[in-house]
Amino acid sequence: MAHTAPRRTTFAPRRTGRRHPLVATLMALPLAALLLLVFDGWETVATQASSVGAMLGR
């Protein structure tokens, strides 16, 4: 196998740790809106929001 130069990443290294709850909420909102449109019900959105809250430990 040929020896090649080590790869350089052009992106900044990812931070480890937890996301801010607001960022997680903003990431979940499009999915909640999609579920609202597909299943046509507020119950689905409420369930999704509850699941996100449980993942965040709230």
C-alpha atoms as a PDB file:
ATOM      1  CA  MET A   1       0.000   0.000   0.000  1.00  0.00           C
ATOM      2  CA  ALA A   2       1.301   3.453  -0.862  1.00  0.00           C
ATOM      3  CA  HIS A   3       2.111   5.910   1.886  1.00  0.00           C
ATOM      4  CA  THR A   4       0.232   9.138   1.407  1.00  0.00           C
ATOM      5  CA  ALA A   5       0.281  12.444   3.174  1.00  0.00           C
ATOM      6  CA  PRO A   6      -2.118  12.733   6.114  1.00  0.00           C
ATOM      7  CA  ARG A   7      -5.488  14.212   5.301  1.00  0.00           C
ATOM      8  CA  ARG A   8      -6.151  17.778   6.286  1.00  0.00           C
ATOM      9  CA  THR A   9      -9.610  18.760   7.313  1.00  0.00           C
ATOM     10  CA  THR A  10     -10.898  21.992   5.893  1.00  0.00           C
ATOM     11  CA  PHE A  11     -13.657  22.227   8.453  1.00  0.00           C
ATOM     12  CA  ALA A  12     -13.237  23.354  12.007  1.00  0.00           C
ATOM     13  CA  PRO A  13     -13.065  20.480  14.472  1.00  0.00           C
ATOM     14  CA  ARG A  14     -16.401  19.578  16.013  1.00  0.00           C
ATOM     15  CA  ARG A  15     -16.988  20.577  19.562  1.00  0.00           C
ATOM     16  CA  THR A  16     -17.904  17.874  21.968  1.00  0.00           C
ATOM     17  CA  GLY A  17     -20.601  18.296  24.542  1.00  0.00           C
ATOM     18  CA  ARG A  18     -24.261  19.130  24.559  1.00  0.00           C
ATOM     19  CA  ARG A  19     -26.165  21.418  22.261  1.00  0.00           C
ATOM     20  CA  HIS A  20     -27.951  24.415  23.590  1.00  0.00           C
ATOM     21  CA  PRO A  21     -31.640  23.560  24.110  1.00  0.00           C
ATOM     22  CA  LEU A  22     -32.692  26.334  21.730  1.00  0.00           C
ATOM     23  CA  VAL A  23     -30.544  24.873  18.940  1.00  0.00           C
ATOM     24  CA  ALA A  24     -32.049  21.432  19.513  1.00  0.00           C
ATOM     25  CA  THR A  25     -35.537  22.921  19.453  1.00  0.00           C
ATOM     26  CA  LEU A  26     -34.843  24.739  16.192  1.00  0.00           C
ATOM     27  CA  MET A  27     -33.575  21.500  14.704  1.00  0.00           C
ATOM     28  CA  ALA A  28     -36.752  19.648  15.735  1.00  0.00           C
ATOM     29  CA  LEU A  29     -39.247  22.265  14.549  1.00  0.00           C
ATOM     30  CA  PRO A  30     -39.052  21.396  10.827  1.00  0.00           C
ATOM     31  CA  LEU A  31     -39.746  17.749  11.639  1.00  0.00           C
ATOM     32  CA  ALA A  32     -42.660  18.760  13.826  1.00  0.00           C
ATOM     33  CA  ALA A  33     -44.072  20.887  11.008  1.00  0.00           C
ATOM     34  CA  LEU A  34     -43.655  18.021   8.559  1.00  0.00           C
ATOM     35  CA  LEU A  35     -45.473  15.656  10.908  1.00  0.00           C
ATOM     36  CA  LEU A  36     -48.268  18.202  11.241  1.00  0.00           C
ATOM     37  CA  LEU A  37     -48.683  18.350   7.470  1.00  0.00           C
ATOM     38  CA  VAL A  38     -48.362  14.619   6.827  1.00  0.00           C
ATOM     39  CA  PHE A  39     -50.517  13.311   9.659  1.00  0.00           C
ATOM     40  CA  ASP A  40     -52.762  16.360   9.970  1.00  0.00           C
ATOM     41  CA  GLY A  41     -52.950  16.487  13.713  1.00  0.00           C
ATOM     42  CA  TRP A  42     -51.723  18.472  16.684  1.00  0.00           C
ATOM     43  CA  GLU A  43     -51.351  15.283  18.708  1.00  0.00           C
ATOM     44  CA  THR A  44     -48.387  14.228  16.592  1.00  0.00           C
ATOM     45  CA  VAL A  45     -46.692  17.583  17.050  1.00  0.00           C
ATOM     46  CA  ALA A  46     -47.308  17.465  20.796  1.00  0.00           C
ATOM     47  CA  THR A  47     -45.862  13.947  20.974  1.00  0.00           C
ATOM     48  CA  GLN A  48     -42.775  14.997  19.028  1.00  0.00           C
ATOM     49  CA  ALA A  49     -42.263  18.062  21.216  1.00  0.00           C
ATOM     50  CA  SER A  50     -42.628  15.903  24.303  1.00  0.00           C
ATOM     51  CA  SER A  51     -40.030  13.457  22.965  1.00  0.00           C
ATOM     52  CA  VAL A  52     -37.579  16.272  22.263  1.00  0.00           C
ATOM     53  CA  GLY A  53     -38.143  17.641  25.756  1.00  0.00           C
ATOM     54  CA  ALA A  54     -37.479  14.207  27.232  1.00  0.00           C
ATOM     55  CA  MET A  55     -34.235  13.907  25.251  1.00  0.00           C
ATOM     56  CA  LEU A  56     -33.149  17.285  26.569  1.00  0.00           C
ATOM     57  CA  GLY A  57     -33.912  16.188  30.100  1.00  0.00           C
ATOM     58  CA  ARG A  58     -36.668  18.719  30.642  1.00  0.00           C
END
